[in-house]
Protein backbone atom coordinates (compact mmCIF):
# COMPACT_ATOMS: atom_id res chain seq x y z
CA UNK A 1 -0.01 -0.03 0.02
CA UNK A 2 2.75 2.56 -0.74
CA UNK A 3 1.52 3.99 -3.94
CA UNK A 4 0.67 7.53 -4.44
CA UNK A 5 -2.94 6.99 -4.00
CA UNK A 6 -5.37 4.10 -2.77
CA UNK A 7 -8.74 3.73 -4.39
CA UNK A 8 -11.72 2.42 -2.30
CA UNK A 9 -15.17 1.86 -4.02
CA UNK A 10 -16.58 4.92 -2.82
CA UNK A 11 -13.63 7.57 -2.27
CA UNK A 12 -10.09 7.82 -3.32
CA UNK A 13 -7.28 8.46 -1.08
CA UNK A 14 -4.14 10.62 -2.37
CA UNK A 15 -1.28 9.85 -0.05
CA UNK A 16 2.08 11.30 -1.29
CA UNK A 17 2.12 14.48 0.90
CA UNK A 18 1.59 12.22 4.16
CA UNK A 19 4.27 10.59 6.22
CA UNK A 20 1.75 7.79 7.22
CA UNK A 21 0.15 6.00 3.80
CA UNK A 22 -3.09 3.60 3.96
CA UNK A 23 -2.25 0.60 5.78
CA UNK A 24 -4.08 -2.76 6.34
CA UNK A 25 -4.23 -1.96 10.28
CA UNK A 26 -5.78 1.64 9.61
CA UNK A 27 -8.37 0.03 7.11
CA UNK A 28 -9.24 -2.64 9.44
CA UNK A 29 -9.86 -0.22 12.17
CA UNK A 30 -12.09 2.19 10.26
CA UNK A 31 -14.27 -0.32 8.95
CA UNK A 32 -14.59 -2.29 12.40
CA UNK A 33 -15.31 1.06 14.06
CA UNK A 34 -17.98 1.93 11.23
CA UNK A 35 -19.60 -1.32 11.42
CA UNK A 36 -19.32 -2.86 14.99
CA UNK A 37 -20.65 -0.17 17.06
CA UNK A 38 -24.01 1.82 17.24
CA UNK A 39 -25.45 4.27 14.59
CA UNK A 40 -23.32 7.40 15.11
CA UNK A 41 -25.04 10.65 14.97
CA UNK A 42 -23.75 14.12 16.01
CA UNK A 43 -20.00 15.27 16.48
CA UNK A 44 -17.09 13.39 16.12
CA UNK A 45 -13.26 14.33 16.59
CA UNK A 46 -10.42 12.52 14.68
CA UNK A 47 -7.32 13.21 16.31
CA UNK A 48 -4.05 12.76 13.95
CA UNK A 49 -6.24 12.64 10.45
CA UNK A 50 -3.33 12.26 8.15
CA UNK A 51 -4.92 11.56 4.73
CA UNK A 52 -8.46 11.60 6.22
CA UNK A 53 -9.18 7.78 5.82
CA UNK A 54 -10.69 7.19 9.28
CA UNK A 55 -13.47 9.82 8.95
CA UNK A 56 -14.26 9.00 5.30
CA UNK A 57 -14.45 5.31 6.57
CA UNK A 58 -16.78 6.03 9.14
CA UNK A 59 -18.59 8.47 7.22
CA UNK A 60 -19.41 6.18 4.51
CA UNK A 61 -21.56 4.18 6.89
CA UNK A 62 -22.85 7.06 9.06
CA UNK A 63 -23.74 10.16 7.09
CA UNK A 64 -25.30 11.87 9.93
CA UNK A 65 -22.13 12.37 11.60
CA UNK A 66 -20.07 15.55 11.53
CA UNK A 67 -16.55 15.05 11.90
CA UNK A 68 -13.62 17.74 12.96
CA UNK A 69 -10.32 15.89 11.78
CA UNK A 70 -7.24 17.46 13.59
CA UNK A 71 -3.78 17.23 11.70
CA UNK A 72 -0.78 18.84 12.76
CA UNK A 73 1.18 18.53 9.58
CA UNK A 74 0.22 21.34 7.01
CA UNK A 75 0.95 19.27 3.82
CA UNK A 76 -0.99 16.44 5.18
CA UNK A 77 -4.05 18.51 6.46
CA UNK A 78 -4.08 19.80 2.78
CA UNK A 79 -4.00 16.46 1.15
CA UNK A 80 -6.80 15.34 3.62
CA UNK A 81 -9.00 18.14 2.29
CA UNK A 82 -8.64 17.33 -1.36
CA UNK A 83 -9.46 13.72 -0.41
CA UNK A 84 -12.80 15.01 1.34
CA UNK A 85 -13.48 17.38 -1.23
CA UNK A 86 -13.34 14.63 -3.91
CA UNK A 87 -15.62 12.36 -1.86
CA UNK A 88 -19.33 12.81 -1.25
CA UNK A 89 -18.98 14.11 2.26
CA UNK A 90 -17.33 17.74 1.78
CA UNK A 91 -19.88 19.49 4.02
CA UNK A 92 -19.59 16.77 6.84
CA UNK A 93 -15.89 16.71 7.50
CA UNK A 94 -13.79 19.68 8.43
CA UNK A 95 -9.96 19.55 8.39
CA UNK A 96 -8.28 21.40 11.05
CA UNK A 97 -4.44 22.22 11.12
CA UNK A 98 -3.88 22.03 14.91
CA UNK A 99 -1.61 20.57 17.49
CA UNK A 100 -3.76 18.42 19.83
CA UNK A 101 -1.93 19.52 22.57
CA UNK A 102 -2.98 23.03 22.15
CA UNK A 103 -6.42 22.35 20.79
CA UNK A 104 -8.91 24.99 22.45
CA UNK A 105 -11.95 23.06 23.63
CA UNK A 106 -15.18 24.79 22.98
CA UNK A 107 -17.94 25.45 25.92
CA UNK A 108 -20.61 25.00 23.31
CA UNK A 109 -19.45 21.98 21.21
CA UNK A 110 -18.98 18.37 22.75
CA UNK A 111 -18.18 15.33 20.84
CA UNK A 112 -20.23 12.05 20.93
CA UNK A 113 -17.09 9.94 19.38
CA UNK A 114 -13.36 10.90 19.72
CA UNK A 115 -11.20 8.49 17.46
CA UNK A 116 -7.59 8.08 16.82
CA UNK A 117 -4.86 5.89 15.23
CA UNK A 118 -2.43 7.68 17.50
CA UNK A 119 1.12 7.70 17.83
CA UNK A 120 1.95 4.26 18.61
CA UNK A 121 5.04 3.83 20.47
CA UNK A 122 6.84 4.99 23.55
CA UNK A 123 10.49 4.80 24.07
CA UNK A 124 11.28 3.20 20.73
CA UNK A 125 13.93 3.62 18.25
CA UNK A 126 13.29 6.50 15.59
CA UNK A 127 14.06 6.83 12.25
CA UNK A 128 15.47 9.82 10.32
CA UNK A 129 12.11 10.83 8.66
CA UNK A 130 10.92 13.46 11.43
CA UNK A 131 7.15 13.30 10.19
CA UNK A 132 7.10 9.84 10.10
CA UNK A 133 8.48 9.90 13.67
CA UNK A 134 5.85 12.21 14.78
CA UNK A 135 3.17 10.14 13.43
CA UNK A 136 4.60 6.75 15.04
CA UNK A 137 6.10 7.97 18.17
CA UNK A 138 4.93 9.70 21.41
CA UNK A 139 7.23 12.70 21.13
CA UNK A 140 4.79 15.55 20.07
CA UNK A 141 1.61 13.79 21.32
CA UNK A 142 0.91 11.39 24.21
CA UNK A 143 -1.68 8.80 25.09
CA UNK A 144 -2.06 10.74 28.20
CA UNK A 145 -2.96 13.90 26.43
CA UNK A 146 -5.39 12.12 24.38
CA UNK A 147 -7.13 10.48 26.84
CA UNK A 148 -7.70 13.56 29.30
CA UNK A 149 -8.43 16.06 26.69
CA UNK A 150 -10.79 13.68 24.90
CA UNK A 151 -12.69 13.27 27.97
CA UNK A 152 -13.01 17.00 28.56
CA UNK A 153 -13.96 18.01 25.20
CA UNK A 154 -16.73 14.95 24.73
CA UNK A 155 -20.37 14.05 25.80
CA UNK A 156 -21.43 12.45 28.99
CA UNK A 157 -22.11 9.65 26.78
CA UNK A 158 -19.19 9.52 24.41
CA UNK A 159 -16.93 6.95 23.09
CA UNK A 160 -13.48 6.87 22.50
CA UNK A 161 -11.87 4.66 19.72
CA UNK A 162 -8.11 3.78 19.43
CA UNK A 163 -5.83 1.43 17.55
CA UNK A 164 -2.62 0.51 19.53
CA UNK A 165 0.36 -2.07 19.35
CA UNK A 166 -0.21 -5.42 20.96
CA UNK A 167 2.55 -4.45 23.60
CA UNK A 168 1.15 -1.60 24.96
CA UNK A 169 -2.47 -2.99 25.94
CA UNK A 170 -1.61 -3.33 29.87
CA UNK A 171 -0.01 0.48 29.89
CA UNK A 172 -2.91 1.95 28.25
CA UNK A 173 -5.61 0.00 30.23
CA UNK A 174 -3.99 1.83 33.30
CA UNK A 175 -4.34 5.12 31.74
CA UNK A 176 -7.73 4.55 30.65
CA UNK A 177 -8.88 3.85 34.37
CA UNK A 178 -6.74 6.88 35.56
CA UNK A 179 -8.53 9.45 32.86
CA UNK A 180 -11.88 7.64 34.01
CA UNK A 181 -12.62 6.03 30.57
CA UNK A 182 -14.36 2.54 30.79
CA UNK A 183 -13.21 -0.23 28.47
CA UNK A 184 -16.16 -1.45 26.45
CA UNK A 185 -15.15 -3.29 23.22
CA UNK A 186 -11.59 -5.11 22.76
CA UNK A 187 -10.30 -6.56 19.43
CA UNK A 188 -7.24 -8.55 19.14
CA UNK A 189 -5.63 -8.36 15.70
CA UNK A 190 -3.43 -11.03 13.93
CA UNK A 191 -2.26 -10.91 10.47
CA UNK A 192 -2.51 -14.79 10.40
CA UNK A 193 -3.16 -17.33 13.02
CA UNK A 194 0.19 -18.79 12.98
CA UNK A 195 1.95 -15.17 13.78
CA UNK A 196 2.36 -13.04 16.75
CA UNK A 197 -0.54 -11.00 17.66
CA UNK A 198 0.04 -7.39 16.25
CA UNK A 199 -2.77 -4.81 17.28
CA UNK A 200 -5.46 -3.99 19.70
CA UNK A 201 -8.36 -1.99 18.61
CA UNK A 202 -10.63 -0.79 21.45
CA UNK A 203 -13.64 1.12 22.31
CA UNK A 204 -13.84 2.72 25.84
CA UNK A 205 -17.04 4.69 27.06
CA UNK A 206 -17.14 7.59 29.70
CA UNK A 207 -20.25 5.46 31.29
CA UNK A 208 -19.24 2.06 32.71
CA UNK A 209 -20.31 -1.01 31.07
CA UNK A 210 -21.61 -4.16 32.41
CA UNK A 211 -19.21 -6.40 30.46
CA UNK A 212 -16.43 -6.11 27.91
CA UNK A 213 -17.18 -7.42 24.28
CA UNK A 214 -14.09 -9.16 23.28
CA UNK A 215 -13.40 -10.66 19.87
CA UNK A 216 -10.21 -11.96 17.69
CA UNK A 217 -9.83 -10.69 14.12
CA UNK A 218 -7.17 -12.52 11.79
CA UNK A 219 -6.44 -10.48 8.51
CA UNK A 220 -5.46 -13.60 6.69
CA UNK A 221 -6.23 -17.52 7.12
CA UNK A 222 -3.46 -19.95 7.29
CA UNK A 223 -3.33 -20.23 3.54
CA UNK A 224 -2.63 -16.55 2.99
CA UNK A 225 -6.06 -15.41 1.76
CA UNK A 226 -8.26 -12.88 3.51
CA UNK A 227 -10.48 -14.29 6.56
CA UNK A 228 -13.94 -14.39 6.38
CA UNK A 229 -14.32 -11.85 9.07
CA UNK A 230 -11.68 -9.55 7.34
CA UNK A 231 -13.64 -9.80 3.74
CA UNK A 232 -17.04 -8.99 5.75
CA UNK A 233 -15.59 -5.77 7.39
CA UNK A 234 -13.80 -4.46 4.09
CA UNK A 235 -16.10 -5.73 1.61
CA UNK A 236 -18.11 -2.22 1.51
CA UNK A 237 -14.67 -0.56 0.98
CA UNK A 238 -11.72 -2.65 -1.18
CA UNK A 239 -12.28 -2.76 -4.88
CA UNK A 240 -10.83 -6.47 -4.76
CA UNK A 241 -13.88 -7.70 -2.53
């Protein structure tokens, strides 16, 4: 998925100006979020939108949702605006160039859904690409900031959706508790059944839930073909499905 664009069934993602390209992880996260939760209506906030992929995937399923998409990198934000302009939802997704650390929380506007494919890694070796480092590593934006500010800027019944590396589950669960979020749905992601787990996808809520819903998803089966669960989630998006 390293080409200059990625064509979906209902929209196209140009990505040559963005540090982080369209990835299988991000596509699975967007499809799962759009299809495995209640019908989203109202206002949503996407933190670190990059190409605009996540709000476009969610918007395809829930066209009553209005999304504010924050992106710190000016070039990436401009490309996200172009991707949204060329889609059918130009009036429902607004891209803002902003550092979430300095994001001003409005007294009048609160979000029903806060979503993020956030900086993944803490205390990990970085590469030479500064933009890619900012997208991948917690050097400019930490999970603590995301959890704290998301709680403050969201509605009473809000949900928080995150994608994170397998190794950081315990660390993030402690932080969720610290910032008064309650784990609601948790999905383990594997590329194949015979490979190590790679990611967690989760939804947390402000209001406590009776039981945590858990699931495992394999991108491919043991033969290397897309799994049935992956195909079901991505069929509305991928041209090849």
